[in-house]
Amino acid sequence: MAATKLQAFWNHPAGPKTIHFWAPTFKWGISIANIADFSKPPEKLSYPQQIAVTCTGLIWSRYSMVITPKNLNLFSVNVAMAGTGLYQLSRKIKHDYFAETEAAVETEQ
């Protein structure tokens, strides 16, 4: 049973014998780097970089479900990219636009 599943995975059109497997596998490095940046101060984050990560994730997530064969590795890495990009953007926006408002409210009281 396990051997047939492994053989099916090995011979899949998006399996490890093709670039369709390895490109998204190495793309996980971008998501992992973005996760590592969760501890980075928000003022050091870049809007253009995080917008690019988010848009890339959203666009390619859709594309990975339209192409044949369906590439779930590509889909999952791009969902992760979109998620980490959105999280980083929310941190940056909160820091840049709402931290000043909160500080002003505290000084008024």
N, C-alpha and C. Protein backbone atom coordinates (compact mmCIF):
# COMPACT_ATOMS: atom_id res chain seq x y z
N MET A 1 0.82 -1.19 0.00
CA MET A 1 0.00 0.00 0.00
C MET A 1 0.86 1.26 0.00
N ALA A 2 1.82 1.33 0.95
CA ALA A 2 2.69 2.50 1.03
C ALA A 2 3.57 2.60 -0.22
N ALA A 3 4.00 1.46 -0.73
CA ALA A 3 4.85 1.47 -1.92
C ALA A 3 4.10 2.01 -3.13
N THR A 4 2.82 1.66 -3.26
CA THR A 4 2.06 2.15 -4.41
C THR A 4 1.80 3.65 -4.28
N LYS A 5 1.58 4.14 -3.05
CA LYS A 5 1.39 5.58 -2.86
C LYS A 5 2.69 6.33 -3.15
N LEU A 6 3.79 5.79 -2.70
CA LEU A 6 5.08 6.39 -2.96
C LEU A 6 5.39 6.39 -4.46
N GLN A 7 5.07 5.31 -5.12
CA GLN A 7 5.28 5.21 -6.56
C GLN A 7 4.38 6.20 -7.30
N ALA A 8 3.14 6.34 -6.85
CA ALA A 8 2.23 7.30 -7.47
C ALA A 8 2.75 8.73 -7.30
N PHE A 9 3.27 9.04 -6.11
CA PHE A 9 3.86 10.36 -5.86
C PHE A 9 5.08 10.57 -6.74
N TRP A 10 5.93 9.57 -6.83
CA TRP A 10 7.16 9.67 -7.62
C TRP A 10 6.86 9.90 -9.10
N ASN A 11 5.82 9.25 -9.61
CA ASN A 11 5.50 9.34 -11.04
C ASN A 11 4.46 10.40 -11.37
N HIS A 12 3.99 11.14 -10.38
CA HIS A 12 2.99 12.20 -10.61
C HIS A 12 3.58 13.26 -11.54
N PRO A 13 2.75 13.90 -12.40
CA PRO A 13 3.25 14.95 -13.30
C PRO A 13 3.84 16.15 -12.57
N ALA A 14 3.50 16.33 -11.29
CA ALA A 14 4.11 17.39 -10.49
C ALA A 14 4.94 16.78 -9.35
N GLY A 15 5.48 15.59 -9.60
CA GLY A 15 6.26 14.88 -8.59
C GLY A 15 7.72 15.28 -8.59
N PRO A 16 8.52 14.64 -7.76
CA PRO A 16 9.91 15.03 -7.58
C PRO A 16 10.82 14.84 -8.79
N LYS A 17 10.33 14.20 -9.83
CA LYS A 17 11.15 14.07 -11.05
C LYS A 17 10.99 15.29 -11.96
N THR A 18 10.18 16.29 -11.54
CA THR A 18 9.91 17.44 -12.41
C THR A 18 10.24 18.75 -11.70
N ILE A 19 10.38 19.79 -12.47
CA ILE A 19 10.59 21.14 -11.92
C ILE A 19 9.33 21.62 -11.21
N HIS A 20 8.19 21.06 -11.55
CA HIS A 20 6.93 21.46 -10.94
C HIS A 20 6.88 21.10 -9.45
N PHE A 21 7.75 20.21 -9.04
CA PHE A 21 7.88 19.88 -7.62
C PHE A 21 8.94 20.75 -6.96
N TRP A 22 10.10 20.87 -7.59
CA TRP A 22 11.24 21.51 -6.94
C TRP A 22 11.12 23.02 -6.85
N ALA A 23 10.53 23.67 -7.84
CA ALA A 23 10.39 25.13 -7.77
C ALA A 23 9.57 25.56 -6.55
N PRO A 24 8.37 25.01 -6.34
CA PRO A 24 7.64 25.42 -5.13
C PRO A 24 8.31 24.95 -3.83
N THR A 25 9.01 23.84 -3.88
CA THR A 25 9.69 23.37 -2.68
C THR A 25 10.75 24.37 -2.24
N PHE A 26 11.53 24.88 -3.18
CA PHE A 26 12.54 25.87 -2.83
C PHE A 26 11.90 27.23 -2.52
N LYS A 27 10.71 27.47 -3.05
CA LYS A 27 10.00 28.73 -2.77
C LYS A 27 9.58 28.80 -1.31
N TRP A 28 9.50 27.66 -0.63
CA TRP A 28 9.20 27.66 0.80
C TRP A 28 10.22 28.48 1.57
N GLY A 29 11.42 28.62 1.03
CA GLY A 29 12.45 29.43 1.68
C GLY A 29 12.01 30.87 1.89
N ILE A 30 11.25 31.42 0.94
CA ILE A 30 10.75 32.79 1.07
C ILE A 30 9.77 32.88 2.23
N SER A 31 8.87 31.92 2.32
CA SER A 31 7.90 31.93 3.42
C SER A 31 8.59 31.73 4.76
N ILE A 32 9.57 30.85 4.80
CA ILE A 32 10.31 30.61 6.05
C ILE A 32 11.07 31.87 6.46
N ALA A 33 11.66 32.56 5.49
CA ALA A 33 12.36 33.82 5.80
C ALA A 33 11.39 34.87 6.31
N ASN A 34 10.20 34.92 5.73
CA ASN A 34 9.20 35.88 6.18
C ASN A 34 8.74 35.55 7.60
N ILE A 35 8.62 34.26 7.91
CA ILE A 35 8.26 33.85 9.28
C ILE A 35 9.37 34.24 10.25
N ALA A 36 10.62 34.08 9.83
CA ALA A 36 11.75 34.47 10.68
C ALA A 36 11.74 35.98 10.94
N ASP A 37 11.19 36.75 10.01
CA ASP A 37 11.11 38.20 10.17
C ASP A 37 9.97 38.65 11.09
N PHE A 38 9.18 37.70 11.61
CA PHE A 38 8.12 38.08 12.54
C PHE A 38 8.70 38.75 13.78
N SER A 39 9.93 38.42 14.13
CA SER A 39 10.57 39.02 15.30
C SER A 39 11.27 40.34 14.96
N LYS A 40 11.33 40.68 13.70
CA LYS A 40 11.97 41.91 13.26
C LYS A 40 11.09 43.10 13.66
N PRO A 41 11.68 44.22 14.09
CA PRO A 41 10.86 45.39 14.42
C PRO A 41 10.08 45.87 13.19
N PRO A 42 8.83 46.28 13.36
CA PRO A 42 8.00 46.66 12.21
C PRO A 42 8.58 47.82 11.39
N GLU A 43 9.33 48.70 12.03
CA GLU A 43 9.89 49.83 11.28
C GLU A 43 10.93 49.38 10.26
N LYS A 44 11.45 48.18 10.41
CA LYS A 44 12.44 47.65 9.45
C LYS A 44 11.80 46.89 8.30
N LEU A 45 10.49 46.71 8.33
CA LEU A 45 9.81 46.00 7.24
C LEU A 45 9.63 46.93 6.05
N SER A 46 9.53 46.34 4.88
CA SER A 46 9.41 47.09 3.63
C SER A 46 8.03 46.89 3.02
N TYR A 47 7.33 48.01 2.77
CA TYR A 47 6.03 47.90 2.11
C TYR A 47 6.13 47.24 0.74
N PRO A 48 7.04 47.70 -0.15
CA PRO A 48 7.09 47.06 -1.48
C PRO A 48 7.38 45.56 -1.43
N GLN A 49 8.27 45.16 -0.54
CA GLN A 49 8.60 43.74 -0.44
C GLN A 49 7.40 42.94 0.04
N GLN A 50 6.73 43.40 1.06
CA GLN A 50 5.60 42.64 1.61
C GLN A 50 4.39 42.66 0.68
N ILE A 51 4.20 43.76 -0.04
CA ILE A 51 3.12 43.80 -1.05
C ILE A 51 3.42 42.80 -2.16
N ALA A 52 4.69 42.74 -2.57
CA ALA A 52 5.08 41.78 -3.62
C ALA A 52 4.89 40.34 -3.15
N VAL A 53 5.26 40.04 -1.92
CA VAL A 53 5.10 38.68 -1.38
C VAL A 53 3.62 38.33 -1.33
N THR A 54 2.80 39.26 -0.84
CA THR A 54 1.36 39.01 -0.72
C THR A 54 0.71 38.82 -2.09
N CYS A 55 0.98 39.72 -3.02
CA CYS A 55 0.38 39.63 -4.36
C CYS A 55 0.84 38.38 -5.09
N THR A 56 2.12 38.06 -4.97
CA THR A 56 2.63 36.84 -5.60
C THR A 56 1.90 35.63 -5.05
N GLY A 57 1.74 35.59 -3.74
CA GLY A 57 1.04 34.48 -3.12
C GLY A 57 -0.40 34.36 -3.59
N LEU A 58 -1.10 35.48 -3.66
CA LEU A 58 -2.50 35.44 -4.08
C LEU A 58 -2.66 35.04 -5.54
N ILE A 59 -1.86 35.64 -6.40
CA ILE A 59 -1.96 35.37 -7.84
C ILE A 59 -1.61 33.92 -8.15
N TRP A 60 -0.49 33.44 -7.61
CA TRP A 60 -0.05 32.09 -7.92
C TRP A 60 -0.87 31.02 -7.23
N SER A 61 -1.53 31.37 -6.12
CA SER A 61 -2.45 30.41 -5.49
C SER A 61 -3.59 30.11 -6.45
N ARG A 62 -4.12 31.14 -7.04
CA ARG A 62 -5.20 30.96 -8.01
C ARG A 62 -4.71 30.16 -9.22
N TYR A 63 -3.55 30.55 -9.75
CA TYR A 63 -3.00 29.88 -10.92
C TYR A 63 -2.76 28.40 -10.67
N SER A 64 -2.29 28.06 -9.47
CA SER A 64 -1.96 26.66 -9.18
C SER A 64 -3.20 25.77 -9.15
N MET A 65 -4.37 26.35 -9.01
CA MET A 65 -5.61 25.57 -9.03
C MET A 65 -6.23 25.49 -10.42
N VAL A 66 -5.75 26.32 -11.34
CA VAL A 66 -6.29 26.36 -12.70
C VAL A 66 -5.49 25.45 -13.64
N ILE A 67 -4.20 25.32 -13.38
CA ILE A 67 -3.34 24.54 -14.28
C ILE A 67 -3.58 23.05 -14.14
N THR A 68 -3.16 22.31 -15.14
CA THR A 68 -3.19 20.86 -15.09
C THR A 68 -1.75 20.37 -15.22
N PRO A 69 -1.27 19.54 -14.36
CA PRO A 69 -1.94 18.93 -13.21
C PRO A 69 -2.03 19.91 -12.05
N LYS A 70 -2.99 19.68 -11.17
CA LYS A 70 -3.11 20.49 -9.96
C LYS A 70 -1.83 20.30 -9.15
N ASN A 71 -1.29 21.40 -8.69
CA ASN A 71 -0.04 21.34 -7.95
C ASN A 71 -0.29 21.85 -6.53
N LEU A 72 -0.56 20.94 -5.61
CA LEU A 72 -0.89 21.33 -4.24
C LEU A 72 0.31 21.90 -3.49
N ASN A 73 1.51 21.48 -3.86
CA ASN A 73 2.71 22.06 -3.26
C ASN A 73 2.80 23.54 -3.62
N LEU A 74 2.57 23.86 -4.89
CA LEU A 74 2.58 25.25 -5.34
C LEU A 74 1.47 26.04 -4.66
N PHE A 75 0.29 25.44 -4.54
CA PHE A 75 -0.82 26.12 -3.89
C PHE A 75 -0.50 26.41 -2.43
N SER A 76 0.00 25.44 -1.71
CA SER A 76 0.24 25.63 -0.27
C SER A 76 1.35 26.64 0.00
N VAL A 77 2.40 26.63 -0.79
CA VAL A 77 3.48 27.60 -0.56
C VAL A 77 2.98 29.02 -0.86
N ASN A 78 2.13 29.18 -1.84
CA ASN A 78 1.63 30.51 -2.15
C ASN A 78 0.59 30.99 -1.15
N VAL A 79 -0.19 30.10 -0.60
CA VAL A 79 -1.10 30.49 0.49
C VAL A 79 -0.26 30.94 1.69
N ALA A 80 0.81 30.22 1.98
CA ALA A 80 1.71 30.61 3.07
C ALA A 80 2.35 31.97 2.79
N MET A 81 2.76 32.20 1.55
CA MET A 81 3.35 33.49 1.20
C MET A 81 2.35 34.62 1.39
N ALA A 82 1.13 34.42 0.91
CA ALA A 82 0.10 35.46 1.06
C ALA A 82 -0.19 35.71 2.54
N GLY A 83 -0.28 34.64 3.31
CA GLY A 83 -0.57 34.79 4.74
C GLY A 83 0.52 35.52 5.49
N THR A 84 1.77 35.14 5.26
CA THR A 84 2.87 35.81 5.96
C THR A 84 3.02 37.25 5.49
N GLY A 85 2.79 37.49 4.19
CA GLY A 85 2.86 38.86 3.68
C GLY A 85 1.78 39.75 4.27
N LEU A 86 0.56 39.22 4.36
CA LEU A 86 -0.54 39.99 4.96
C LEU A 86 -0.26 40.28 6.44
N TYR A 87 0.26 39.30 7.14
CA TYR A 87 0.58 39.51 8.55
C TYR A 87 1.64 40.59 8.71
N GLN A 88 2.69 40.54 7.89
CA GLN A 88 3.75 41.54 7.98
C GLN A 88 3.22 42.93 7.60
N LEU A 89 2.37 42.98 6.58
CA LEU A 89 1.78 44.27 6.21
C LEU A 89 0.93 44.82 7.34
N SER A 90 0.17 43.97 8.00
CA SER A 90 -0.67 44.44 9.11
C SER A 90 0.19 44.97 10.25
N ARG A 91 1.31 44.31 10.52
CA ARG A 91 2.23 44.81 11.55
C ARG A 91 2.79 46.17 11.18
N LYS A 92 3.19 46.32 9.92
CA LYS A 92 3.79 47.58 9.46
C LYS A 92 2.77 48.71 9.49
N ILE A 93 1.56 48.44 9.01
CA ILE A 93 0.51 49.47 8.99
C ILE A 93 0.14 49.86 10.42
N LYS A 94 -0.01 48.89 11.29
CA LYS A 94 -0.34 49.18 12.69
C LYS A 94 0.73 50.06 13.31
N HIS A 95 1.99 49.74 13.04
CA HIS A 95 3.09 50.52 13.60
C HIS A 95 3.12 51.93 13.02
N ASP A 96 2.96 52.05 11.71
CA ASP A 96 3.11 53.35 11.06
C ASP A 96 1.92 54.28 11.26
N TYR A 97 0.72 53.74 11.32
CA TYR A 97 -0.46 54.60 11.33
C TYR A 97 -1.24 54.60 12.64
N PHE A 98 -1.18 53.52 13.40
CA PHE A 98 -2.00 53.44 14.60
C PHE A 98 -1.22 53.61 15.89
N ALA A 99 0.08 53.41 15.86
CA ALA A 99 0.90 53.59 17.06
C ALA A 99 0.90 55.06 17.47
N GLU A 100 0.93 55.98 16.49
CA GLU A 100 0.91 57.41 16.79
C GLU A 100 -0.42 57.82 17.41
N THR A 101 -1.51 57.26 16.92
CA THR A 101 -2.83 57.57 17.44
C THR A 101 -2.95 57.10 18.88
N GLU A 102 -2.47 55.91 19.16
CA GLU A 102 -2.53 55.37 20.52
C GLU A 102 -1.66 56.20 21.47
N ALA A 103 -0.50 56.64 21.02
CA ALA A 103 0.38 57.47 21.84
C ALA A 103 -0.27 58.81 22.13
N ALA A 104 -0.96 59.39 21.14
CA ALA A 104 -1.63 60.68 21.32
C ALA A 104 -2.77 60.56 22.32
N VAL A 105 -3.50 59.48 22.26
CA VAL A 105 -4.60 59.26 23.20
C VAL A 105 -4.08 59.10 24.62
N GLU A 106 -2.96 58.41 24.79
CA GLU A 106 -2.38 58.22 26.12
C GLU A 106 -1.88 59.53 26.72
N THR A 107 -1.31 60.42 25.89
CA THR A 107 -0.80 61.69 26.40
C THR A 107 -1.93 62.65 26.77
N GLU A 108 -3.09 62.54 26.13
CA GLU A 108 -4.23 63.39 26.44
C GLU A 108 -4.84 63.03 27.78
N GLN A 109 -4.70 61.82 28.21
CA GLN A 109 -5.36 61.38 29.46
C GLN A 109 -4.59 61.74 30.67
